[in-house]
Amino acid sequence: HILLPFMILPMYSVMSTIPKTYVRASKSLGATDWTTFWRVYFP
């Protein structure tokens, strides 16, 4: 509970810079939500 904010802040800072167009492009090419997340967003 005490250290959780120290994990959220760096992850949020990086995630907010990931272009949302990558996710839309993946789905438009037929990828499922899980594949899009695991192959495009998570890395």
PDB file of all heavy atoms in Angstrom:
ATOM      1  N   HIS A   1       0.835  -1.213   0.000  1.00  0.00           N
ATOM      2  CA  HIS A   1       0.000   0.000   0.000  1.00  0.00           C
ATOM      3  C   HIS A   1       0.866   1.258   0.000  1.00  0.00           C
ATOM      4  O   HIS A   1       0.573   2.234  -0.702  1.00  0.00           O
ATOM      5  CB  HIS A   1      -0.915  -0.016   1.226  1.00  0.00           C
ATOM      6  CG  HIS A   1      -1.605   1.287   1.473  1.00  0.00           C
ATOM      7  ND1 HIS A   1      -1.302   2.102   2.545  1.00  0.00           N
ATOM      8  CD2 HIS A   1      -2.564   1.940   0.768  1.00  0.00           C
ATOM      9  CE1 HIS A   1      -2.061   3.185   2.503  1.00  0.00           C
ATOM     10  NE2 HIS A   1      -2.832   3.112   1.437  1.00  0.00           N
ATOM     11  N   ILE A   2       1.948   1.236   0.764  1.00  0.00           N
ATOM     12  CA  ILE A   2       2.794   2.428   0.882  1.00  0.00           C
ATOM     13  C   ILE A   2       3.589   2.680  -0.399  1.00  0.00           C
ATOM     14  O   ILE A   2       3.746   3.830  -0.833  1.00  0.00           O
ATOM     15  CB  ILE A   2       3.742   2.266   2.096  1.00  0.00           C
ATOM     16  CG1 ILE A   2       2.929   2.356   3.396  1.00  0.00           C
ATOM     17  CG2 ILE A   2       4.840   3.332   2.077  1.00  0.00           C
ATOM     18  CD1 ILE A   2       3.709   1.961   4.623  1.00  0.00           C
ATOM     19  N   LEU A   3       4.068   1.618  -1.036  1.00  0.00           N
ATOM     20  CA  LEU A   3       4.941   1.766  -2.206  1.00  0.00           C
ATOM     21  C   LEU A   3       4.193   1.730  -3.529  1.00  0.00           C
ATOM     22  O   LEU A   3       4.810   1.961  -4.578  1.00  0.00           O
ATOM     23  CB  LEU A   3       6.013   0.674  -2.196  1.00  0.00           C
ATOM     24  CG  LEU A   3       6.973   0.685  -0.998  1.00  0.00           C
ATOM     25  CD1 LEU A   3       7.936  -0.486  -1.077  1.00  0.00           C
ATOM     26  CD2 LEU A   3       7.745   1.993  -0.930  1.00  0.00           C
ATOM     27  N   LEU A   4       2.904   1.458  -3.510  1.00  0.00           N
ATOM     28  CA  LEU A   4       2.145   1.351  -4.760  1.00  0.00           C
ATOM     29  C   LEU A   4       2.210   2.617  -5.621  1.00  0.00           C
ATOM     30  O   LEU A   4       2.369   2.516  -6.853  1.00  0.00           O
ATOM     31  CB  LEU A   4       0.685   0.985  -4.446  1.00  0.00           C
ATOM     32  CG  LEU A   4      -0.210   0.659  -5.643  1.00  0.00           C
ATOM     33  CD1 LEU A   4       0.377  -0.495  -6.452  1.00  0.00           C
ATOM     34  CD2 LEU A   4      -1.623   0.314  -5.170  1.00  0.00           C
ATOM     35  N   PRO A   5       2.104   3.820  -5.049  1.00  0.00           N
ATOM     36  CA  PRO A   5       2.208   5.022  -5.900  1.00  0.00           C
ATOM     37  C   PRO A   5       3.541   5.117  -6.647  1.00  0.00           C
ATOM     38  O   PRO A   5       3.583   5.654  -7.764  1.00  0.00           O
ATOM     39  CB  PRO A   5       2.046   6.171  -4.906  1.00  0.00           C
ATOM     40  CG  PRO A   5       1.281   5.591  -3.773  1.00  0.00           C
ATOM     41  CD  PRO A   5       1.745   4.181  -3.661  1.00  0.00           C
ATOM     42  N   PHE A   6       4.624   4.602  -6.031  1.00  0.00           N
ATOM     43  CA  PHE A   6       5.922   4.650  -6.706  1.00  0.00           C
ATOM     44  C   PHE A   6       5.968   3.723  -7.925  1.00  0.00           C
ATOM     45  O   PHE A   6       6.837   3.872  -8.777  1.00  0.00           O
ATOM     46  CB  PHE A   6       7.039   4.256  -5.727  1.00  0.00           C
ATOM     47  CG  PHE A   6       7.221   5.227  -4.600  1.00  0.00           C
ATOM     48  CD1 PHE A   6       6.665   4.979  -3.353  1.00  0.00           C
ATOM     49  CD2 PHE A   6       7.940   6.393  -4.781  1.00  0.00           C
ATOM     50  CE1 PHE A   6       6.827   5.874  -2.307  1.00  0.00           C
ATOM     51  CE2 PHE A   6       8.113   7.291  -3.745  1.00  0.00           C
ATOM     52  CZ  PHE A   6       7.542   7.040  -2.507  1.00  0.00           C
ATOM     53  N   MET A   7       5.065   2.771  -7.991  1.00  0.00           N
ATOM     54  CA  MET A   7       4.955   1.908  -9.159  1.00  0.00           C
ATOM     55  C   MET A   7       4.009   2.503 -10.197  1.00  0.00           C
ATOM     56  O   MET A   7       4.268   2.440 -11.409  1.00  0.00           O
ATOM     57  CB  MET A   7       4.471   0.515  -8.740  1.00  0.00           C
ATOM     58  CG  MET A   7       4.338  -0.481  -9.883  1.00  0.00           C
ATOM     59  SD  MET A   7       5.914  -0.921 -10.637  1.00  0.00           S
ATOM     60  CE  MET A   7       6.572  -1.983  -9.350  1.00  0.00           C
ATOM     61  N   ILE A   8       2.922   3.089  -9.736  1.00  0.00           N
ATOM     62  CA  ILE A   8       1.916   3.620 -10.664  1.00  0.00           C
ATOM     63  C   ILE A   8       2.455   4.802 -11.463  1.00  0.00           C
ATOM     64  O   ILE A   8       2.246   4.887 -12.681  1.00  0.00           O
ATOM     65  CB  ILE A   8       0.642   4.015  -9.893  1.00  0.00           C
ATOM     66  CG1 ILE A   8      -0.027   2.775  -9.303  1.00  0.00           C
ATOM     67  CG2 ILE A   8      -0.337   4.765 -10.805  1.00  0.00           C
ATOM     68  CD1 ILE A   8      -1.225   3.071  -8.426  1.00  0.00           C
ATOM     69  N   LEU A   9       3.158   5.700 -10.803  1.00  0.00           N
ATOM     70  CA  LEU A   9       3.592   6.933 -11.466  1.00  0.00           C
ATOM     71  C   LEU A   9       4.518   6.675 -12.653  1.00  0.00           C
ATOM     72  O   LEU A   9       4.294   7.217 -13.745  1.00  0.00           O
ATOM     73  CB  LEU A   9       4.246   7.869 -10.444  1.00  0.00           C
ATOM     74  CG  LEU A   9       3.293   8.454  -9.393  1.00  0.00           C
ATOM     75  CD1 LEU A   9       4.065   9.272  -8.375  1.00  0.00           C
ATOM     76  CD2 LEU A   9       2.223   9.304 -10.048  1.00  0.00           C
ATOM     77  N   PRO A  10       5.588   5.851 -12.534  1.00  0.00           N
ATOM     78  CA  PRO A  10       6.417   5.589 -13.719  1.00  0.00           C
ATOM     79  C   PRO A  10       5.661   4.863 -14.831  1.00  0.00           C
ATOM     80  O   PRO A  10       5.843   5.177 -16.016  1.00  0.00           O
ATOM     81  CB  PRO A  10       7.553   4.716 -13.172  1.00  0.00           C
ATOM     82  CG  PRO A  10       7.579   4.959 -11.714  1.00  0.00           C
ATOM     83  CD  PRO A  10       6.170   5.219 -11.322  1.00  0.00           C
ATOM     84  N   MET A  11       4.793   3.910 -14.458  1.00  0.00           N
ATOM     85  CA  MET A  11       4.051   3.183 -15.488  1.00  0.00           C
ATOM     86  C   MET A  11       3.066   4.110 -16.200  1.00  0.00           C
ATOM     87  O   MET A  11       2.927   4.072 -17.427  1.00  0.00           O
ATOM     88  CB  MET A  11       3.322   1.987 -14.871  1.00  0.00           C
ATOM     89  CG  MET A  11       4.256   0.862 -14.454  1.00  0.00           C
ATOM     90  SD  MET A  11       3.429  -0.726 -14.158  1.00  0.00           S
ATOM     91  CE  MET A  11       2.406  -0.301 -12.762  1.00  0.00           C
ATOM     92  N   TYR A  12       2.403   4.956 -15.434  1.00  0.00           N
ATOM     93  CA  TYR A  12       1.462   5.904 -16.058  1.00  0.00           C
ATOM     94  C   TYR A  12       2.201   6.873 -16.966  1.00  0.00           C
ATOM     95  O   TYR A  12       1.727   7.217 -18.065  1.00  0.00           O
ATOM     96  CB  TYR A  12       0.710   6.669 -14.968  1.00  0.00           C
ATOM     97  CG  TYR A  12      -0.053   7.863 -15.496  1.00  0.00           C
ATOM     98  CD1 TYR A  12      -1.207   7.711 -16.247  1.00  0.00           C
ATOM     99  CD2 TYR A  12       0.408   9.156 -15.246  1.00  0.00           C
ATOM    100  CE1 TYR A  12      -1.903   8.808 -16.732  1.00  0.00           C
ATOM    101  CE2 TYR A  12      -0.266  10.256 -15.729  1.00  0.00           C
ATOM    102  CZ  TYR A  12      -1.419  10.078 -16.476  1.00  0.00           C
ATOM    103  OH  TYR A  12      -2.087  11.170 -16.956  1.00  0.00           O
ATOM    104  N   SER A  13       3.390   7.316 -16.516  1.00  0.00           N
ATOM    105  CA  SER A  13       4.163   8.265 -17.324  1.00  0.00           C
ATOM    106  C   SER A  13       4.549   7.665 -18.666  1.00  0.00           C
ATOM    107  O   SER A  13       4.513   8.341 -19.703  1.00  0.00           O
ATOM    108  CB  SER A  13       5.412   8.687 -16.547  1.00  0.00           C
ATOM    109  OG  SER A  13       6.179   9.599 -17.279  1.00  0.00           O
ATOM    110  N   VAL A  14       4.896   6.374 -18.701  1.00  0.00           N
ATOM    111  CA  VAL A  14       5.274   5.706 -19.947  1.00  0.00           C
ATOM    112  C   VAL A  14       4.035   5.387 -20.782  1.00  0.00           C
ATOM    113  O   VAL A  14       4.012   5.599 -21.996  1.00  0.00           O
ATOM    114  CB  VAL A  14       6.074   4.429 -19.637  1.00  0.00           C
ATOM    115  CG1 VAL A  14       6.280   3.601 -20.912  1.00  0.00           C
ATOM    116  CG2 VAL A  14       7.426   4.779 -19.024  1.00  0.00           C
ATOM    117  N   MET A  15       2.998   4.880 -20.137  1.00  0.00           N
ATOM    118  CA  MET A  15       1.780   4.498 -20.874  1.00  0.00           C
ATOM    119  C   MET A  15       1.115   5.685 -21.550  1.00  0.00           C
ATOM    120  O   MET A  15       0.529   5.554 -22.629  1.00  0.00           O
ATOM    121  CB  MET A  15       0.792   3.820 -19.925  1.00  0.00           C
ATOM    122  CG  MET A  15       1.212   2.444 -19.461  1.00  0.00           C
ATOM    123  SD  MET A  15       0.019   1.747 -18.295  1.00  0.00           S
ATOM    124  CE  MET A  15       0.787   0.184 -17.911  1.00  0.00           C
ATOM    125  N   SER A  16       1.196   6.846 -20.927  1.00  0.00           N
ATOM    126  CA  SER A  16       0.548   8.021 -21.513  1.00  0.00           C
ATOM    127  C   SER A  16       1.240   8.480 -22.794  1.00  0.00           C
ATOM    128  O   SER A  16       0.679   9.276 -23.552  1.00  0.00           O
ATOM    129  CB  SER A  16       0.530   9.170 -20.495  1.00  0.00           C
ATOM    130  OG  SER A  16       1.859   9.534 -20.137  1.00  0.00           O
ATOM    131  N   THR A  17       2.462   7.992 -23.049  1.00  0.00           N
ATOM    132  CA  THR A  17       3.179   8.372 -24.270  1.00  0.00           C
ATOM    133  C   THR A  17       2.995   7.350 -25.395  1.00  0.00           C
ATOM    134  O   THR A  17       3.479   7.577 -26.501  1.00  0.00           O
ATOM    135  CB  THR A  17       4.689   8.518 -23.979  1.00  0.00           C
ATOM    136  OG1 THR A  17       5.218   7.250 -23.569  1.00  0.00           O
ATOM    137  CG2 THR A  17       4.941   9.549 -22.881  1.00  0.00           C
ATOM    138  N   ILE A  18       2.324   6.226 -25.114  1.00  0.00           N
ATOM    139  CA  ILE A  18       2.104   5.208 -26.149  1.00  0.00           C
ATOM    140  C   ILE A  18       1.004   5.697 -27.100  1.00  0.00           C
ATOM    141  O   ILE A  18      -0.126   5.956 -26.659  1.00  0.00           O
ATOM    142  CB  ILE A  18       1.706   3.859 -25.521  1.00  0.00           C
ATOM    143  CG1 ILE A  18       2.820   3.346 -24.600  1.00  0.00           C
ATOM    144  CG2 ILE A  18       1.392   2.829 -26.607  1.00  0.00           C
ATOM    145  CD1 ILE A  18       2.475   2.073 -23.854  1.00  0.00           C
ATOM    146  N   PRO A  19       1.277   5.840 -28.378  1.00  0.00           N
ATOM    147  CA  PRO A  19       0.250   6.328 -29.313  1.00  0.00           C
ATOM    148  C   PRO A  19      -0.943   5.369 -29.389  1.00  0.00           C
ATOM    149  O   PRO A  19      -0.775   4.158 -29.571  1.00  0.00           O
ATOM    150  CB  PRO A  19       0.982   6.398 -30.659  1.00  0.00           C
ATOM    151  CG  PRO A  19       2.440   6.442 -30.301  1.00  0.00           C
ATOM    152  CD  PRO A  19       2.564   5.640 -29.054  1.00  0.00           C
ATOM    153  N   LYS A  20      -2.140   5.919 -29.254  1.00  0.00           N
ATOM    154  CA  LYS A  20      -3.342   5.090 -29.318  1.00  0.00           C
ATOM    155  C   LYS A  20      -3.592   4.582 -30.729  1.00  0.00           C
ATOM    156  O   LYS A  20      -4.361   3.626 -30.931  1.00  0.00           O
ATOM    157  CB  LYS A  20      -4.540   5.893 -28.816  1.00  0.00           C
ATOM    158  CG  LYS A  20      -4.441   6.243 -27.333  1.00  0.00           C
ATOM    159  CD  LYS A  20      -5.641   7.045 -26.892  1.00  0.00           C
ATOM    160  CE  LYS A  20      -5.601   7.280 -25.376  1.00  0.00           C
ATOM    161  NZ  LYS A  20      -4.400   7.953 -24.923  1.00  0.00           N
ATOM    162  N   THR A  21      -2.969   5.192 -31.708  1.00  0.00           N
ATOM    163  CA  THR A  21      -3.162   4.743 -33.093  1.00  0.00           C
ATOM    164  C   THR A  21      -2.607   3.350 -33.320  1.00  0.00           C
ATOM    165  O   THR A  21      -3.079   2.625 -34.194  1.00  0.00           O
ATOM    166  CB  THR A  21      -2.485   5.735 -34.056  1.00  0.00           C
ATOM    167  OG1 THR A  21      -1.105   5.883 -33.673  1.00  0.00           O
ATOM    168  CG2 THR A  21      -3.168   7.095 -34.013  1.00  0.00           C
ATOM    169  N   TYR A  22      -1.597   2.949 -32.499  1.00  0.00           N
ATOM    170  CA  TYR A  22      -1.040   1.614 -32.635  1.00  0.00           C
ATOM    171  C   TYR A  22      -2.087   0.553 -32.315  1.00  0.00           C
ATOM    172  O   TYR A  22      -2.192  -0.474 -32.985  1.00  0.00           O
ATOM    173  CB  TYR A  22       0.170   1.429 -31.718  1.00  0.00           C
ATOM    174  CG  TYR A  22       1.383   2.221 -32.111  1.00  0.00           C
ATOM    175  CD1 TYR A  22       1.379   3.050 -33.227  1.00  0.00           C
ATOM    176  CD2 TYR A  22       2.557   2.149 -31.365  1.00  0.00           C
ATOM    177  CE1 TYR A  22       2.503   3.779 -33.585  1.00  0.00           C
ATOM    178  CE2 TYR A  22       3.681   2.873 -31.715  1.00  0.00           C
ATOM    179  CZ  TYR A  22       3.637   3.699 -32.832  1.00  0.00           C
ATOM    180  OH  TYR A  22       4.748   4.407 -33.178  1.00  0.00           O
ATOM    181  N   VAL A  23      -2.860   0.826 -31.256  1.00  0.00           N
ATOM    182  CA  VAL A  23      -3.893  -0.122 -30.848  1.00  0.00           C
ATOM    183  C   VAL A  23      -4.984  -0.205 -31.914  1.00  0.00           C
ATOM    184  O   VAL A  23      -5.447  -1.289 -32.285  1.00  0.00           O
ATOM    185  CB  VAL A  23      -4.485   0.288 -29.486  1.00  0.00           C
ATOM    186  CG1 VAL A  23      -5.654  -0.626 -29.110  1.00  0.00           C
ATOM    187  CG2 VAL A  23      -3.409   0.253 -28.406  1.00  0.00           C
ATOM    188  N   ARG A  24      -5.407   0.960 -32.413  1.00  0.00           N
ATOM    189  CA  ARG A  24      -6.458   0.960 -33.439  1.00  0.00           C
ATOM    190  C   ARG A  24      -5.970   0.279 -34.719  1.00  0.00           C
ATOM    191  O   ARG A  24      -6.700  -0.470 -35.361  1.00  0.00           O
ATOM    192  CB  ARG A  24      -6.897   2.397 -33.736  1.00  0.00           C
ATOM    193  CG  ARG A  24      -7.660   3.046 -32.585  1.00  0.00           C
ATOM    194  CD  ARG A  24      -8.397   4.292 -33.068  1.00  0.00           C
ATOM    195  NE  ARG A  24      -7.474   5.340 -33.497  1.00  0.00           N
ATOM    196  CZ  ARG A  24      -7.023   6.297 -32.703  1.00  0.00           C
ATOM    197  NH1 ARG A  24      -7.411   6.335 -31.416  1.00  0.00           N
ATOM    198  NH2 ARG A  24      -6.195   7.214 -33.162  1.00  0.00           N
ATOM    199  N   ALA A  25      -4.706   0.488 -35.066  1.00  0.00           N
ATOM    200  CA  ALA A  25      -4.167  -0.145 -36.268  1.00  0.00           C
ATOM    201  C   ALA A  25      -4.118  -1.658 -36.113  1.00  0.00           C
ATOM    202  O   ALA A  25      -4.428  -2.409 -37.055  1.00  0.00           O
ATOM    203  CB  ALA A  25      -2.776   0.394 -36.551  1.00  0.00           C
ATOM    204  N   SER A  26      -3.781  -2.135 -34.928  1.00  0.00           N
ATOM    205  CA  SER A  26      -3.724  -3.571 -34.690  1.00  0.00           C
ATOM    206  C   SER A  26      -5.102  -4.205 -34.817  1.00  0.00           C
ATOM    207  O   SER A  26      -5.262  -5.259 -35.436  1.00  0.00           O
ATOM    208  CB  SER A  26      -3.141  -3.841 -33.302  1.00  0.00           C
ATOM    209  OG  SER A  26      -3.167  -5.217 -32.994  1.00  0.00           O
ATOM    210  N   LYS A  27      -6.091  -3.545 -34.234  1.00  0.00           N
ATOM    211  CA  LYS A  27      -7.455  -4.084 -34.309  1.00  0.00           C
ATOM    212  C   LYS A  27      -7.989  -4.031 -35.732  1.00  0.00           C
ATOM    213  O   LYS A  27      -8.727  -4.934 -36.163  1.00  0.00           O
ATOM    214  CB  LYS A  27      -8.367  -3.317 -33.367  1.00  0.00           C
ATOM    215  CG  LYS A  27      -8.077  -3.561 -31.896  1.00  0.00           C
ATOM    216  CD  LYS A  27      -9.049  -2.818 -30.994  1.00  0.00           C
ATOM    217  CE  LYS A  27      -8.782  -3.123 -29.526  1.00  0.00           C
ATOM    218  NZ  LYS A  27      -9.729  -2.406 -28.630  1.00  0.00           N
ATOM    219  N   SER A  28      -7.600  -2.988 -36.463  1.00  0.00           N
ATOM    220  CA  SER A  28      -8.079  -2.883 -37.839  1.00  0.00           C
ATOM    221  C   SER A  28      -7.501  -3.976 -38.729  1.00  0.00           C
ATOM    222  O   SER A  28      -8.077  -4.304 -39.777  1.00  0.00           O
ATOM    223  CB  SER A  28      -7.736  -1.504 -38.413  1.00  0.00           C
ATOM    224  OG  SER A  28      -6.329  -1.373 -38.580  1.00  0.00           O
ATOM    225  N   LEU A  29      -6.386  -4.533 -38.312  1.00  0.00           N
ATOM    226  CA  LEU A  29      -5.771  -5.621 -39.073  1.00  0.00           C
ATOM    227  C   LEU A  29      -6.274  -6.992 -38.622  1.00  0.00           C
ATOM    228  O   LEU A  29      -5.767  -8.014 -39.071  1.00  0.00           O
ATOM    229  CB  LEU A  29      -4.248  -5.561 -38.919  1.00  0.00           C
ATOM    230  CG  LEU A  29      -3.571  -4.348 -39.570  1.00  0.00           C
ATOM    231  CD1 LEU A  29      -2.097  -4.320 -39.231  1.00  0.00           C
ATOM    232  CD2 LEU A  29      -3.764  -4.383 -41.083  1.00  0.00           C
ATOM    233  N   GLY A  30      -7.249  -6.995 -37.724  1.00  0.00           N
ATOM    234  CA  GLY A  30      -7.899  -8.234 -37.335  1.00  0.00           C
ATOM    235  C   GLY A  30      -7.432  -8.844 -36.044  1.00  0.00           C
ATOM    236  O   GLY A  30      -7.872  -9.953 -35.691  1.00  0.00           O
ATOM    237  N   ALA A  31      -6.565  -8.184 -35.294  1.00  0.00           N
ATOM    238  CA  ALA A  31      -6.083  -8.740 -34.028  1.00  0.00           C
ATOM    239  C   ALA A  31      -7.162  -8.644 -32.962  1.00  0.00           C
ATOM    240  O   ALA A  31      -7.951  -7.701 -32.932  1.00  0.00           O
ATOM    241  CB  ALA A  31      -4.831  -7.999 -33.566  1.00  0.00           C
ATOM    242  N   THR A  32      -7.208  -9.629 -32.074  1.00  0.00           N
ATOM    243  CA  THR A  32      -8.151  -9.590 -30.957  1.00  0.00           C
ATOM    244  C   THR A  32      -7.655  -8.602 -29.915  1.00  0.00           C
ATOM    245  O   THR A  32      -6.516  -8.118 -29.956  1.00  0.00           O
ATOM    246  CB  THR A  32      -8.271 -10.981 -30.316  1.00  0.00           C
ATOM    247  OG1 THR A  32      -6.985 -11.360 -29.790  1.00  0.00           O
ATOM    248  CG2 THR A  32      -8.737 -12.008 -31.344  1.00  0.00           C
ATOM    249  N   ASP A  33      -8.522  -8.325 -28.929  1.00  0.00           N
ATOM    250  CA  ASP A  33      -8.137  -7.392 -27.860  1.00  0.00           C
ATOM    251  C   ASP A  33      -6.912  -7.906 -27.099  1.00  0.00           C
ATOM    252  O   ASP A  33      -6.002  -7.143 -26.763  1.00  0.00           O
ATOM    253  CB  ASP A  33      -9.306  -7.191 -26.898  1.00  0.00           C
ATOM    254  CG  ASP A  33     -10.434  -6.385 -27.527  1.00  0.00           C
ATOM    255  OD1 ASP A  33     -10.183  -5.726 -28.548  1.00  0.00           O
ATOM    256  OD2 ASP A  33     -11.552  -6.428 -26.988  1.00  0.00           O
ATOM    257  N   TRP A  34      -6.888  -9.233 -26.804  1.00  0.00           N
ATOM    258  CA  TRP A  34      -5.756  -9.791 -26.061  1.00  0.00           C
ATOM    259  C   TRP A  34      -4.467  -9.723 -26.875  1.00  0.00           C
ATOM    260  O   TRP A  34      -3.416  -9.337 -26.360  1.00  0.00           O
ATOM    261  CB  TRP A  34      -6.057 -11.223 -25.653  1.00  0.00           C
ATOM    262  CG  TRP A  34      -4.862 -11.941 -25.103  1.00  0.00           C
ATOM    263  CD1 TRP A  34      -4.151 -12.927 -25.671  1.00  0.00           C
ATOM    264  CD2 TRP A  34      -4.223 -11.669 -23.847  1.00  0.00           C
ATOM    265  NE1 TRP A  34      -3.100 -13.318 -24.873  1.00  0.00           N
ATOM    266  CE2 TRP A  34      -3.121 -12.553 -23.727  1.00  0.00           C
ATOM    267  CE3 TRP A  34      -4.471 -10.758 -22.819  1.00  0.00           C
ATOM    268  CZ2 TRP A  34      -2.290 -12.568 -22.630  1.00  0.00           C
ATOM    269  CZ3 TRP A  34      -3.639 -10.770 -21.719  1.00  0.00           C
ATOM    270  CH2 TRP A  34      -2.551 -11.657 -21.625  1.00  0.00           C
ATOM    271  N   THR A  35      -4.556 -10.093 -28.148  1.00  0.00           N
ATOM    272  CA  THR A  35      -3.374 -10.039 -29.002  1.00  0.00           C
ATOM    273  C   THR A  35      -2.867  -8.614 -29.138  1.00  0.00           C
ATOM    274  O   THR A  35      -1.650  -8.362 -29.108  1.00  0.00           O
ATOM    275  CB  THR A  35      -3.690 -10.620 -30.388  1.00  0.00           C
ATOM    276  OG1 THR A  35      -4.161 -11.968 -30.243  1.00  0.00           O
ATOM    277  CG2 THR A  35      -2.457 -10.612 -31.276  1.00  0.00           C
ATOM    278  N   THR A  36      -3.787  -7.692 -29.279  1.00  0.00           N
ATOM    279  CA  THR A  36      -3.400  -6.279 -29.383  1.00  0.00           C
ATOM    280  C   THR A  36      -2.668  -5.825 -28.124  1.00  0.00           C
ATOM    281  O   THR A  36      -1.625  -5.158 -28.198  1.00  0.00           O
ATOM    282  CB  THR A  36      -4.641  -5.411 -29.616  1.00  0.00           C
ATOM    283  OG1 THR A  36      -5.247  -5.796 -30.845  1.00  0.00           O
ATOM    284  CG2 THR A  36      -4.267  -3.938 -29.667  1.00  0.00           C
ATOM    285  N   PHE A  37      -3.226  -6.209 -26.982  1.00  0.00           N
ATOM    286  CA  PHE A  37      -2.583  -5.809 -25.726  1.00  0.00           C
ATOM    287  C   PHE A  37      -1.208  -6.460 -25.574  1.00  0.00           C
ATOM    288  O   PHE A  37      -0.226  -5.793 -25.273  1.00  0.00           O
ATOM    289  CB  PHE A  37      -3.487  -6.178 -24.547  1.00  0.00           C
ATOM    290  CG  PHE A  37      -2.818  -6.028 -23.215  1.00  0.00           C
ATOM    291  CD1 PHE A  37      -2.646  -4.772 -22.646  1.00  0.00           C
ATOM    292  CD2 PHE A  37      -2.323  -7.139 -22.532  1.00  0.00           C
ATOM    293  CE1 PHE A  37      -2.007  -4.636 -21.418  1.00  0.00           C
ATOM    294  CE2 PHE A  37      -1.688  -7.004 -21.307  1.00  0.00           C
ATOM    295  CZ  PHE A  37      -1.529  -5.754 -20.762  1.00  0.00           C
ATOM    296  N   TRP A  38      -1.155  -7.774 -25.794  1.00  0.00           N
ATOM    297  CA  TRP A  38       0.071  -8.524 -25.502  1.00  0.00           C
ATOM    298  C   TRP A  38       1.169  -8.276 -26.530  1.00  0.00           C
ATOM    299  O   TRP A  38       2.344  -8.224 -26.176  1.00  0.00           O
ATOM    300  CB  TRP A  38      -0.265 -10.003 -25.409  1.00  0.00           C
ATOM    301  CG  TRP A  38       0.885 -10.849 -24.965  1.00  0.00           C
ATOM    302  CD1 TRP A  38       1.572 -11.766 -25.682  1.00  0.00           C
ATOM    303  CD2 TRP A  38       1.491 -10.828 -23.666  1.00  0.00           C
ATOM    304  NE1 TRP A  38       2.563 -12.335 -24.923  1.00  0.00           N
ATOM    305  CE2 TRP A  38       2.543 -11.772 -23.668  1.00  0.00           C
ATOM    306  CE3 TRP A  38       1.242 -10.097 -22.504  1.00  0.00           C
ATOM    307  CZ2 TRP A  38       3.331 -12.008 -22.569  1.00  0.00           C
ATOM    308  CZ3 TRP A  38       2.031 -10.329 -21.404  1.00  0.00           C
ATOM    309  CH2 TRP A  38       3.078 -11.276 -21.428  1.00  0.00           C
ATOM    310  N   ARG A  39       0.815  -8.087 -27.789  1.00  0.00           N
ATOM    311  CA  ARG A  39       1.815  -7.958 -28.848  1.00  0.00           C
ATOM    312  C   ARG A  39       2.159  -6.510 -29.170  1.00  0.00           C
ATOM    313  O   ARG A  39       3.239  -6.235 -29.705  1.00  0.00           O
ATOM    314  CB  ARG A  39       1.319  -8.665 -30.114  1.00  0.00           C
ATOM    315  CG  ARG A  39       1.057 -10.151 -29.959  1.00  0.00           C
ATOM    316  CD  ARG A  39       2.330 -10.945 -29.864  1.00  0.00           C
ATOM    317  NE  ARG A  39       3.122 -10.820 -31.084  1.00  0.00           N
ATOM    318  CZ  ARG A  39       2.948 -11.563 -32.164  1.00  0.00           C
ATOM    319  NH1 ARG A  39       1.999 -12.503 -32.184  1.00  0.00           N
ATOM    320  NH2 ARG A  39       3.718 -11.400 -33.230  1.00  0.00           N
ATOM    321  N   VAL A  40       1.241  -5.590 -28.876  1.00  0.00           N
ATOM    322  CA  VAL A  40       1.448  -4.195 -29.273  1.00  0.00           C
ATOM    323  C   VAL A  40       1.618  -3.269 -28.068  1.00  0.00           C
ATOM    324  O   VAL A  40       2.604  -2.533 -27.965  1.00  0.00           O
ATOM    325  CB  VAL A  40       0.279  -3.698 -30.153  1.00  0.00           C
ATOM    326  CG1 VAL A  40       0.456  -2.221 -30.501  1.00  0.00           C
ATOM    327  CG2 VAL A  40       0.155  -4.540 -31.410  1.00  0.00           C
ATOM    328  N   TYR A  41       0.660  -3.337 -27.122  1.00  0.00           N
ATOM    329  CA  TYR A  41       0.650  -2.360 -26.032  1.00  0.00           C
ATOM    330  C   TYR A  41       1.650  -2.722 -24.928  1.00  0.00           C
ATOM    331  O   TYR A  41       2.444  -1.881 -24.493  1.00  0.00           O
ATOM    332  CB  TYR A  41      -0.760  -2.272 -25.440  1.00  0.00           C
ATOM    333  CG  TYR A  41      -0.933  -1.126 -24.477  1.00  0.00           C
ATOM    334  CD1 TYR A  41      -1.288   0.142 -24.927  1.00  0.00           C
ATOM    335  CD2 TYR A  41      -0.732  -1.305 -23.114  1.00  0.00           C
ATOM    336  CE1 TYR A  41      -1.448   1.203 -24.034  1.00  0.00           C
ATOM    337  CE2 TYR A  41      -0.875  -0.257 -22.222  1.00  0.00           C
ATOM    338  CZ  TYR A  41      -1.232   0.990 -22.695  1.00  0.00           C
ATOM    339  OH  TYR A  41      -1.380   2.035 -21.806  1.00  0.00           O
ATOM    340  N   PHE A  42       1.614  -3.973 -24.484  1.00  0.00           N
ATOM    341  CA  PHE A  42       2.445  -4.372 -23.337  1.00  0.00           C
ATOM    342  C   PHE A  42       3.945  -4.159 -23.564  1.00  0.00           C
ATOM    343  O   PHE A  42       4.633  -3.641 -22.676  1.00  0.00           O
ATOM    344  CB  PHE A  42       2.154  -5.824 -22.957  1.00  0.00           C
ATOM    345  CG  PHE A  42       2.936  -6.300 -21.766  1.00  0.00           C
ATOM    346  CD1 PHE A  42       2.566  -5.933 -20.482  1.00  0.00           C
ATOM    347  CD2 PHE A  42       4.067  -7.091 -21.927  1.00  0.00           C
ATOM    348  CE1 PHE A  42       3.300  -6.363 -19.385  1.00  0.00           C
ATOM    349  CE2 PHE A  42       4.796  -7.524 -20.833  1.00  0.00           C
ATOM    350  CZ  PHE A  42       4.408  -7.155 -19.559  1.00  0.00           C
ATOM    351  N   PRO A  43       4.499  -4.564 -24.728  1.00  0.00           N
ATOM    352  CA  PRO A  43       5.947  -4.344 -24.919  1.00  0.00           C
ATOM    353  C   PRO A  43       6.367  -2.889 -24.786  1.00  0.00           C
ATOM    354  O   PRO A  43       7.478  -2.602 -24.325  1.00  0.00           O
ATOM    355  CB  PRO A  43       6.191  -4.867 -26.339  1.00  0.00           C
ATOM    356  CG  PRO A  43       5.108  -5.864 -26.560  1.00  0.00           C
ATOM    357  CD  PRO A  43       3.909  -5.304 -25.855  1.00  0.00           C
TER     358      PRO A  43
END
